Protein backbone atom coordinates (compact mmCIF):
# COMPACT_ATOMS: atom_id res chain seq x y z
CA MET A 1 91.89 263.79 39.68
CA ASN A 2 88.50 264.87 38.32
CA ARG A 3 88.31 261.69 36.21
CA LYS A 4 88.90 259.53 39.33
CA ASN A 5 86.11 261.32 41.24
CA THR A 6 83.71 260.75 38.32
CA VAL A 7 84.47 257.02 38.33
CA ASP A 8 83.96 256.86 42.08
CA TYR A 9 80.59 258.61 41.78
CA GLN A 10 79.55 256.30 38.94
CA GLU A 11 80.48 253.27 41.03
CA LEU A 12 78.61 254.72 44.02
CA LEU A 13 75.62 255.39 41.79
CA LYS A 14 75.67 251.80 40.55
CA ARG A 15 75.78 250.51 44.14
CA TYR A 16 72.99 252.97 45.07
CA TYR A 17 70.66 251.51 42.41
CA GLU A 18 71.52 248.01 43.64
CA GLY A 19 70.60 249.06 47.19
CA LYS A 20 74.10 248.41 48.58
CA THR A 21 75.17 251.91 49.70
CA THR A 22 75.43 253.20 53.24
CA LEU A 23 73.65 256.31 54.48
CA GLU A 24 76.88 258.34 54.24
CA GLU A 25 77.41 257.24 50.63
CA GLU A 26 73.82 258.18 49.77
CA ASN A 27 74.31 261.61 51.34
CA LEU A 28 77.56 262.01 49.37
CA LEU A 29 75.74 261.15 46.12
CA ARG A 30 72.87 263.49 47.01
CA THR A 31 75.14 266.47 47.66
CA HIS A 32 77.24 265.72 44.57
CA PHE A 33 74.30 265.50 42.16
CA LEU A 34 72.51 268.50 43.68
CA SER A 35 75.62 270.63 43.08
CA HIS A 36 76.74 269.06 39.75
CA THR A 37 73.62 268.77 37.59
CA GLU A 38 75.56 268.87 34.32
CA GLU A 39 77.19 265.44 34.76
CA SER A 40 74.17 263.17 34.63
CA HIS A 41 70.94 265.04 34.14
CA ALA A 42 68.60 262.09 34.88
CA ASP A 43 70.38 261.15 38.10
CA ALA A 44 70.58 264.77 39.22
CA THR A 45 66.85 265.15 38.58
CA LEU A 46 66.15 262.03 40.64
CA PHE A 47 68.14 263.28 43.62
CA ARG A 48 66.58 266.75 43.31
CA ILE A 49 63.07 265.25 43.39
CA LEU A 50 63.97 263.07 46.36
CA ALA A 51 65.36 266.08 48.22
CA GLU A 52 62.21 268.12 47.51
CA GLU A 53 59.99 265.23 48.54
CA SER A 54 61.72 264.81 51.89
CA GLN A 55 61.09 268.49 52.67
CA ALA A 56 57.41 268.42 51.69
CA LEU A 57 54.89 268.90 54.48
CA PRO A 58 51.45 267.34 54.59
CA PRO A 59 48.50 269.66 53.99
CA ASP A 60 46.93 271.42 56.98
CA GLY A 61 44.41 269.26 58.81
CA MET A 62 45.60 266.04 57.17
CA GLU A 63 46.42 264.42 60.51
CA GLN A 64 42.95 265.14 61.92
CA ARG A 65 41.25 263.86 58.75
CA LEU A 66 43.31 260.65 58.88
CA GLU A 67 42.53 260.10 62.55
CA ALA A 68 38.81 260.67 61.89
CA TRP A 69 38.88 258.26 58.96
CA ILE A 70 40.66 255.61 61.05
CA ASP A 71 38.13 256.06 63.86
CA ARG A 72 35.24 255.55 61.40
CA GLN A 73 36.63 252.25 60.16
CA SER A 74 34.92 249.23 61.65
CA VAL A 75 37.23 247.36 63.94
CA VAL A 76 36.85 243.60 64.27
CA PRO A 77 37.09 242.77 67.97
CA SER A 78 39.74 240.29 68.92
CA ARG A 79 37.08 237.78 70.03
CA LYS A 80 35.62 237.69 66.52
CA ARG A 81 39.05 237.19 65.02
CA ARG A 82 39.70 234.40 67.48
CA PHE A 83 36.36 232.80 66.58
CA LEU A 84 37.10 233.12 62.89
CA PHE A 85 40.31 231.20 63.48
CA TRP A 86 38.83 228.50 65.70
CA GLY A 87 35.74 227.94 63.55
CA PRO A 88 37.55 226.06 60.78
CA VAL A 89 39.64 224.25 63.38
CA ALA A 90 36.47 223.07 65.15
CA VAL A 91 35.00 221.92 61.85
CA ALA A 92 38.14 219.97 61.03
CA ALA A 93 38.17 218.39 64.51
CA ALA A 94 34.50 217.39 64.27
CA LEU A 95 35.00 215.87 60.85
CA LEU A 96 38.06 214.00 62.07
CA CYS A 97 36.07 212.62 65.02
CA TYR A 98 33.24 211.61 62.71
CA VAL A 99 35.57 209.82 60.30
CA GLY A 100 37.44 208.14 63.16
CA ILE A 101 34.32 206.89 64.90
CA THR A 102 32.83 205.67 61.64
CA HIS A 103 36.04 203.83 60.78
CA VAL A 104 36.28 202.18 64.19
CA LEU A 105 32.66 201.11 64.09
CA GLN A 106 33.04 199.59 60.66
CA GLN A 107 36.09 197.62 61.74
CA HIS A 108 34.32 196.15 64.79
CA ASN A 109 31.19 195.20 62.87
CA GLU A 110 32.53 191.85 61.66
CA LEU A 111 29.45 189.65 62.25
CA THR A 112 27.44 188.46 59.28
CA PRO A 113 23.62 188.52 59.51
CA GLN A 114 23.54 184.74 60.19
CA GLU A 115 26.09 185.08 62.98
CA THR A 116 24.02 187.89 64.45
CA LEU A 117 20.92 185.64 64.56
CA ILE A 118 22.90 182.83 66.21
CA ALA A 119 24.30 185.28 68.73
CA LYS A 120 20.80 186.60 69.50
CA LYS A 121 19.54 183.07 70.25
CA ALA A 122 22.58 182.19 72.31
CA LEU A 123 22.79 185.36 74.32
CA GLY A 124 19.13 185.88 75.20
CA SER A 125 18.95 188.55 77.92
CA THR A 126 22.46 189.77 77.21
CA LEU A 127 21.17 190.76 73.79
CA LYS A 128 19.42 193.76 75.31
CA CYS A 129 22.80 195.18 76.30
CA ILE A 130 24.16 194.62 72.80
CA GLU A 131 21.12 196.24 71.22
CA THR A 132 21.42 199.14 73.62
CA GLY A 133 25.07 199.51 72.60
CA GLU A 134 24.15 199.40 68.94
CA GLN A 135 21.39 201.93 69.53
CA SER A 136 23.78 204.27 71.33
CA VAL A 137 26.19 203.98 68.42
CA LEU A 138 23.38 204.81 66.01
CA ARG A 139 22.28 207.75 68.18
CA THR A 140 25.88 208.99 68.31
CA HIS A 141 26.10 208.67 64.55
CA GLU A 142 22.88 210.70 64.12
CA ARG A 143 24.06 213.36 66.57
CA LEU A 144 27.34 213.69 64.69
CA LYS A 145 25.36 214.23 61.49
CA TYR A 146 23.43 217.08 63.14
CA ILE A 147 26.65 218.59 64.51
CA LYS A 148 28.23 218.37 61.07
CA ARG A 149 25.18 220.04 59.50
CA ASP A 150 25.22 222.84 62.11
CA ILE A 151 28.94 223.41 61.63
CA HIS A 152 28.51 223.67 57.87
CA LYS A 153 25.62 226.08 58.39
CA ASN A 154 27.78 228.23 60.69
CA ILE A 155 30.64 228.21 58.21
CA HIS A 156 28.35 229.47 55.47
CA GLU A 157 27.03 232.19 57.79
CA LEU A 158 30.61 233.21 58.64
CA LYS A 159 31.50 233.35 54.97
CA ASP A 160 28.47 235.57 54.32
CA ILE A 161 29.49 237.85 57.19
CA ALA A 162 33.10 238.00 55.96
CA LEU A 163 32.01 238.98 52.46
């Protein structure tokens, strides 16, 4: 009978180290090894240390010191965290807009310089509207460059703050 109990405890111990035991089985192992230290000295020592550790109390004043330490830690407000998330998203969106607009403009600019001169002569007063459109495209392109520069500047400032 004693031999069978030893095998059962060894099997339980194996399952315990694999993390497959229930709470009742762990309690059974704990009580067995705390009362039978001669069977497996290393395992008995482990369960004894675990039992002592679970009964240990924190030092006096530890809770107050921890609360004071937590209160001293700088807390990042949720708005900053939200901004830190949306900053890279805004940069990506601006770059995507810039690339998209540039691509569309390049596709629609199919006239050669000679065709442009012919169109200028043929269109006359309508040319002012075309030039105004081209100028607005150029202004938009320049504004996007400034926005891109400002976004990169803000990203570098955020990285400096984060570090």
